[in-house]
Structure formats: C-alpha cells, structure tokens
Amino acid sequence: MAVPKKRTSLSKKRIRKNIWKRKGYWAARKAFSLAKSLSTGNAKSFLYEKKKIKKKPKSGFGRI
C-alpha cells in the first residue's frame, strides 16, 4: 500500500482544494446557463421535445 512519506503543506492543500471547488463552480454555471436558455427558448445546441399544454376554459364571473 502506498503511503506518503511527508506531510502535504497547507498551501499545497489549499491550492488543490480551490481547484476542486472551481471545477464545481464551472459545472454549476454551465448547468444554470443551459437551464436559462431552455426556459427562454434560446437553446440552440440542446434538442428537446416541446409538449403542448392545453389551456382550460375560464369559468366563473369574468369578462365574456
């Protein structure tokens, strides 16, 4: 079993942790951007099937 000989310095540990966090940040940013473009209808590189929703007729006392 491989065992490290020396302890990792705090600065190296912090650098590696920040790289790991940055990857998550960019993945979340891409996902949010894609969701935004899908919701506004501006998605060009993502194909999906749009479902048509039937509107219910309004009932009650309103404009006729």
Protein backbone atom coordinates (compact mmCIF):
# COMPACT_ATOMS: atom_id res chain seq x y z
CA MET A 1 0.00 0.00 0.00
CA ALA A 2 1.38 3.41 -0.97
CA VAL A 3 1.91 5.76 1.96
CA PRO A 4 3.13 9.36 1.60
CA LYS A 5 6.48 10.00 3.26
CA LYS A 6 5.95 13.63 4.16
CA ARG A 7 3.02 15.76 5.16
CA THR A 8 1.38 17.95 2.49
CA SER A 9 1.91 21.65 3.14
CA LEU A 10 -1.10 23.85 3.89
CA SER A 11 -0.55 25.99 0.80
CA LYS A 12 -0.50 22.95 -1.49
CA LYS A 13 -3.60 21.58 0.21
CA ARG A 14 -5.38 24.92 -0.23
CA ILE A 15 -4.42 25.13 -3.91
CA ARG A 16 -5.76 21.63 -4.60
CA LYS A 17 -8.97 22.35 -2.71
CA ASN A 18 -9.53 25.57 -4.70
CA ILE A 19 -9.01 23.73 -8.00
CA TRP A 20 -11.59 21.16 -6.90
CA LYS A 21 -14.06 23.91 -5.91
CA ARG A 22 -13.50 25.77 -9.19
CA LYS A 23 -14.48 22.69 -11.21
CA GLY A 24 -17.78 22.51 -9.34
CA TYR A 25 -18.38 26.23 -9.84
CA TRP A 26 -17.97 25.99 -13.63
CA ALA A 27 -20.17 22.88 -13.85
CA ALA A 28 -22.92 24.66 -11.90
CA ARG A 29 -22.56 27.80 -14.02
CA LYS A 30 -22.88 25.80 -17.26
CA ALA A 31 -25.94 23.94 -15.95
CA PHE A 32 -27.60 27.20 -14.88
CA SER A 33 -26.83 28.81 -18.24
CA LEU A 34 -28.36 25.85 -20.09
CA ALA A 35 -31.46 25.91 -17.89
CA LYS A 36 -31.84 29.64 -18.50
CA SER A 37 -31.58 29.26 -22.28
CA LEU A 38 -34.07 26.37 -22.24
CA SER A 39 -36.60 28.35 -20.22
CA THR A 40 -36.38 31.40 -22.51
CA GLY A 41 -36.40 29.30 -25.68
CA ASN A 42 -32.96 30.41 -26.89
CA ALA A 43 -31.32 26.96 -26.73
CA LYS A 44 -29.50 26.24 -30.00
CA SER A 45 -27.25 23.30 -29.12
CA PHE A 46 -29.66 21.33 -26.93
CA LEU A 47 -32.51 19.40 -28.56
CA TYR A 48 -35.64 18.52 -26.65
CA GLU A 49 -39.29 17.83 -27.39
CA LYS A 50 -41.73 20.57 -26.51
CA LYS A 51 -45.04 19.44 -25.05
CA LYS A 52 -48.13 21.43 -25.88
CA ILE A 53 -50.26 22.28 -22.86
CA LYS A 54 -54.00 22.57 -23.34
CA LYS A 55 -55.45 25.61 -21.63
CA LYS A 56 -58.59 25.15 -19.58
CA PRO A 57 -61.50 27.44 -20.41
CA LYS A 58 -62.03 30.10 -17.78
CA SER A 59 -65.08 29.63 -15.64
CA GLY A 60 -66.81 31.92 -13.21
CA PHE A 61 -67.76 35.55 -13.35
CA GLY A 62 -65.39 37.40 -15.59
CA ARG A 63 -65.33 39.09 -18.92
CA ILE A 64 -67.36 37.41 -21.60
